[in-house]
Amino acid sequence: PTLKMTKSNLIFRQLFDKDTSTYTYLLGCAETKAAIIIDPVLECVERDLKLVNELGLNLIYGVNTHVHADHVTGTGQIKKTLPNCKSVLGANSGGKADLYLKDGDKLSFGNLTMESRSTPGHTDGCSTYILHDQRVVFTGDALLIRGCGRTDFQQGCAKTLYNSVHSKIFSLPSDYKLYPAHDYKGMSVTTVGEEKLYNPRLTKTVDEFVQIMDNLNLAYPKRIDVSVPANLVCGIQD
């Protein structure tokens, strides 16, 4: 039997900021050129907008998975250059945005549609974004490759995070690709099936998970005192 290749109309670029180990995702509709950017970093906006321009995309949404503690979002800066681009956050984020997505809400750009799922636990406002037709998922800090976001500050709650990941992400088909907001180990993509087998934290029982998260003893985030206040106002700094 011949292997049938399906043509995807998704333009997909994964970008990396090595200073904060942050992934930014540029997604576009190949047919209409409408595009969104997920988790842009302030210091990388010039790079990102250059790529938008080179690919001939019309950037209509700047989406953040949550109010970040480790970098200032580039959304506000992007809106200064592209005034028609709207900022997007989860409804429970407490941050400033043009559009708020609740659990189950859909966001369309061109002929592509993305579902928002509320996945709190790292922060109250964390959202995971899913393109079901393309079988790709953007997990923010809720689920990292073989890890997860910390739960010891910013409304963090280990039990909430565990339940979020299991009910909203691990319930997806095992071949869905997962793209996190950060990588610290040189990994760029995983799958639902892989994480259900090999995630050293989220494969445990909820009680074991809470114990692990309560005993991480991580350093205070270097940029939190600057990043969180800035990100609550979409990264616009006077």
Protein backbone atom coordinates (compact mmCIF):
# COMPACT_ATOMS: atom_id res chain seq x y z
CA PRO A 1 0.00 0.00 0.00
CA THR A 2 1.24 3.49 -0.82
CA LEU A 3 1.72 5.96 2.03
CA LYS A 4 -0.77 8.78 1.61
CA MET A 5 0.64 12.16 2.58
CA THR A 6 -1.90 14.68 3.84
CA LYS A 7 -1.14 18.29 3.06
CA SER A 8 -1.26 20.41 6.19
CA ASN A 9 -2.36 24.02 5.86
CA LEU A 10 -0.52 24.88 9.09
CA ILE A 11 2.57 27.05 8.86
CA PHE A 12 4.52 26.18 12.01
CA ARG A 13 7.70 27.70 13.45
CA GLN A 14 9.21 26.89 16.85
CA LEU A 15 11.50 29.67 18.10
CA PHE A 16 13.77 29.63 21.14
CA ASP A 17 15.11 32.23 23.56
CA LYS A 18 18.19 30.75 25.18
CA ASP A 19 18.37 33.34 27.99
CA THR A 20 15.05 32.19 29.47
CA SER A 21 14.82 28.75 27.78
CA THR A 22 11.46 29.86 26.35
CA TYR A 23 9.78 28.50 23.23
CA THR A 24 7.71 30.86 21.10
CA TYR A 25 5.43 29.42 18.44
CA LEU A 26 4.39 31.15 15.22
CA LEU A 27 1.37 29.47 13.64
CA GLY A 28 -0.19 30.51 10.36
CA CYS A 29 -2.89 29.43 7.93
CA ALA A 30 -1.17 28.62 4.61
CA GLU A 31 -4.34 29.48 2.67
CA THR A 32 -5.22 32.87 4.16
CA LYS A 33 -1.90 33.87 5.80
CA ALA A 34 -3.70 34.73 9.07
CA ALA A 35 -1.38 33.95 11.98
CA ILE A 36 -0.95 33.86 15.75
CA ILE A 37 2.10 33.90 17.98
CA ILE A 38 2.18 31.99 21.29
CA ASP A 39 4.36 33.13 24.24
CA PRO A 40 6.49 35.80 22.54
CA VAL A 41 9.50 37.11 24.51
CA LEU A 42 10.11 40.87 24.69
CA GLU A 43 13.80 40.64 23.73
CA CYS A 44 12.96 38.52 20.66
CA VAL A 45 10.16 40.61 19.15
CA GLU A 46 12.37 41.98 16.37
CA ARG A 47 13.32 38.44 15.32
CA ASP A 48 9.70 37.29 15.46
CA LEU A 49 8.30 40.20 13.45
CA LYS A 50 11.02 39.77 10.82
CA LEU A 51 9.91 36.14 10.38
CA VAL A 52 6.23 37.16 10.21
CA ASN A 53 7.19 39.59 7.46
CA GLU A 54 9.37 37.09 5.56
CA LEU A 55 6.58 34.50 5.57
CA GLY A 56 4.03 37.10 4.42
CA LEU A 57 1.79 36.48 7.43
CA ASN A 58 -0.93 38.68 8.90
CA LEU A 59 -0.46 38.40 12.67
CA ILE A 60 -3.89 38.75 14.26
CA TYR A 61 -3.39 37.34 17.79
CA GLY A 62 -0.59 37.41 20.36
CA VAL A 63 -1.44 34.58 22.75
CA ASN A 64 0.09 33.85 26.16
CA THR A 65 -0.35 30.52 27.92
CA HIS A 66 -0.23 32.33 31.31
CA VAL A 67 1.19 35.34 33.14
CA HIS A 68 4.87 34.41 33.00
CA ALA A 69 7.32 34.80 35.88
CA ASP A 70 10.55 34.18 33.95
CA HIS A 71 10.31 36.64 31.05
CA VAL A 72 8.40 39.72 29.96
CA THR A 73 5.92 38.95 27.20
CA GLY A 74 6.50 40.51 23.80
CA THR A 75 2.77 40.91 23.12
CA GLY A 76 2.61 44.58 24.09
CA GLN A 77 5.59 45.46 21.91
CA ILE A 78 4.13 43.51 18.98
CA LYS A 79 0.86 45.47 19.33
CA LYS A 80 2.80 48.74 19.10
CA THR A 81 4.14 47.65 15.69
CA LEU A 82 0.98 45.83 14.57
CA PRO A 83 -1.98 47.71 16.12
CA ASN A 84 -4.52 45.25 14.68
CA CYS A 85 -2.96 42.33 16.57
CA LYS A 86 -5.05 41.43 19.63
CA SER A 87 -3.59 40.10 22.89
CA VAL A 88 -5.09 36.89 24.29
CA LEU A 89 -4.98 35.38 27.81
CA GLY A 90 -6.89 32.77 29.79
CA ALA A 91 -10.00 34.09 31.54
CA ASN A 92 -8.57 33.40 35.02
CA SER A 93 -5.16 34.98 34.40
CA GLY A 94 -5.81 38.28 36.17
CA GLY A 95 -3.79 39.98 33.42
CA LYS A 96 -4.73 42.62 30.87
CA ALA A 97 -5.65 41.45 27.36
CA ASP A 98 -7.95 42.28 24.45
CA LEU A 99 -9.52 38.84 24.49
CA TYR A 100 -9.98 36.28 27.27
CA LEU A 101 -10.49 32.59 26.54
CA LYS A 102 -12.47 30.37 28.89
CA ASP A 103 -12.19 26.60 29.10
CA GLY A 104 -13.51 25.15 25.84
CA ASP A 105 -13.46 28.44 23.90
CA LYS A 106 -12.29 28.34 20.27
CA LEU A 107 -9.99 30.81 18.54
CA SER A 108 -9.92 30.85 14.73
CA PHE A 109 -7.23 32.27 12.47
CA GLY A 110 -7.84 31.77 8.76
CA ASN A 111 -9.03 28.20 8.23
CA LEU A 112 -7.47 26.93 11.47
CA THR A 113 -9.20 26.61 14.84
CA MET A 114 -7.58 26.31 18.24
CA GLU A 115 -9.32 25.11 21.41
CA SER A 116 -8.44 26.64 24.77
CA ARG A 117 -8.41 24.36 27.82
CA SER A 118 -7.98 25.74 31.31
CA THR A 119 -5.05 23.91 32.98
CA PRO A 120 -4.40 25.70 36.30
CA GLY A 121 -1.92 24.61 38.96
CA HIS A 122 1.25 26.41 37.90
CA THR A 123 -0.83 29.61 37.91
CA ASP A 124 -4.61 30.11 38.09
CA GLY A 125 -4.74 31.37 34.53
CA CYS A 126 -2.72 28.69 32.73
CA SER A 127 -4.24 27.58 29.44
CA THR A 128 -3.37 24.78 27.04
CA TYR A 129 -4.10 25.36 23.36
CA ILE A 130 -5.02 22.54 20.97
CA LEU A 131 -5.27 22.32 17.18
CA HIS A 132 -7.20 19.06 16.88
CA ASP A 133 -7.03 18.81 13.07
CA GLN A 134 -3.23 19.04 13.21
CA ARG A 135 -3.01 16.99 16.44
CA VAL A 136 -0.73 19.55 18.12
CA VAL A 137 -0.95 20.93 21.65
CA PHE A 138 0.75 23.92 23.28
CA THR A 139 0.98 23.16 26.99
CA GLY A 140 2.63 26.31 28.38
CA ASP A 141 4.18 25.53 31.77
CA ALA A 142 1.48 23.06 32.84
CA LEU A 143 3.31 20.16 31.19
CA LEU A 144 6.96 20.24 30.17
CA ILE A 145 8.88 17.47 28.44
CA ARG A 146 9.48 14.92 31.23
CA GLY A 147 8.52 17.56 33.76
CA CYS A 148 6.01 20.26 34.67
CA GLY A 149 5.84 23.86 35.88
CA ARG A 150 6.65 24.58 39.51
CA THR A 151 3.82 25.09 41.98
CA ASP A 152 5.48 27.01 44.84
CA PHE A 153 4.48 30.59 43.94
CA GLN A 154 1.92 32.64 41.93
CA GLN A 155 -1.22 30.70 43.04
CA GLY A 156 0.57 27.40 42.46
CA CYS A 157 -1.08 24.20 43.66
CA ALA A 158 0.40 20.75 43.00
CA LYS A 159 -2.88 18.84 43.33
CA THR A 160 -4.64 21.25 40.96
CA LEU A 161 -1.85 20.90 38.40
CA TYR A 162 -1.93 17.10 38.58
CA ASN A 163 -5.69 17.04 38.04
CA SER A 164 -5.46 19.58 35.18
CA VAL A 165 -2.85 17.62 33.27
CA HIS A 166 -4.59 14.29 33.73
CA SER A 167 -8.06 15.53 32.81
CA LYS A 168 -7.26 18.05 30.05
CA ILE A 169 -4.01 16.84 28.42
CA PHE A 170 -3.55 13.13 29.21
CA SER A 171 -7.14 12.55 28.04
CA LEU A 172 -6.12 13.45 24.47
CA PRO A 173 -5.16 10.74 21.93
CA SER A 174 -1.66 9.39 22.57
CA ASP A 175 -0.24 10.56 19.20
CA TYR A 176 -1.01 14.25 19.80
CA LYS A 177 2.27 16.19 19.79
CA LEU A 178 2.98 18.36 22.82
CA TYR A 179 4.94 21.59 22.55
CA PRO A 180 5.87 23.17 25.93
CA ALA A 181 6.68 26.78 26.82
CA HIS A 182 10.17 25.87 28.03
CA ASP A 183 12.94 23.37 27.61
CA TYR A 184 15.95 22.93 29.86
CA LYS A 185 17.23 19.61 28.52
CA GLY A 186 17.54 20.02 24.74
CA MET A 187 14.16 18.47 23.87
CA SER A 188 11.73 20.26 21.57
CA VAL A 189 8.63 18.07 21.31
CA THR A 190 6.96 15.10 22.98
CA THR A 191 3.64 13.25 22.72
CA VAL A 192 0.75 12.52 25.05
CA GLY A 193 1.68 8.83 24.98
CA GLU A 194 5.33 9.47 25.85
CA GLU A 195 4.54 11.69 28.81
CA LYS A 196 1.97 9.23 30.16
CA LEU A 197 4.74 6.62 30.15
CA TYR A 198 7.90 8.53 31.00
CA ASN A 199 7.08 11.78 32.81
CA PRO A 200 8.91 11.21 36.13
CA ARG A 201 6.41 13.30 38.09
CA LEU A 202 3.01 12.96 36.47
CA THR A 203 3.12 9.15 36.21
CA LYS A 204 2.97 8.99 40.02
CA THR A 205 -0.15 9.01 42.21
CA VAL A 206 -1.51 12.41 43.13
CA ASP A 207 -0.16 12.11 46.69
CA GLU A 208 3.34 11.17 45.46
CA PHE A 209 3.20 14.04 42.98
CA VAL A 210 2.29 16.57 45.69
CA GLN A 211 5.18 15.31 47.81
CA ILE A 212 7.65 15.65 44.90
CA MET A 213 6.48 19.18 44.12
CA ASP A 214 6.56 20.24 47.78
CA ASN A 215 10.21 19.18 48.04
CA LEU A 216 11.79 20.63 44.88
CA ASN A 217 13.45 23.48 46.82
CA LEU A 218 13.92 25.58 43.69
CA ALA A 219 15.58 28.99 43.66
CA TYR A 220 13.37 32.08 43.56
CA PRO A 221 12.81 32.98 39.86
CA LYS A 222 15.41 35.58 38.88
CA ARG A 223 13.05 37.77 36.86
CA ILE A 224 9.75 37.33 38.71
CA ASP A 225 9.71 40.77 40.37
CA VAL A 226 9.98 42.48 36.99
CA SER A 227 8.15 39.95 34.80
CA VAL A 228 4.90 39.38 36.68
CA PRO A 229 3.91 43.08 37.08
CA ALA A 230 4.82 43.75 33.43
CA ASN A 231 2.95 40.71 32.18
CA LEU A 232 -0.18 41.62 34.10
CA VAL A 233 -0.36 44.66 31.80
CA CYS A 234 0.55 42.78 28.61
CA GLY A 235 4.26 43.58 28.82
CA ILE A 236 3.72 47.31 28.21
CA GLN A 237 6.33 49.14 30.24
CA ASP A 238 6.39 52.92 30.54
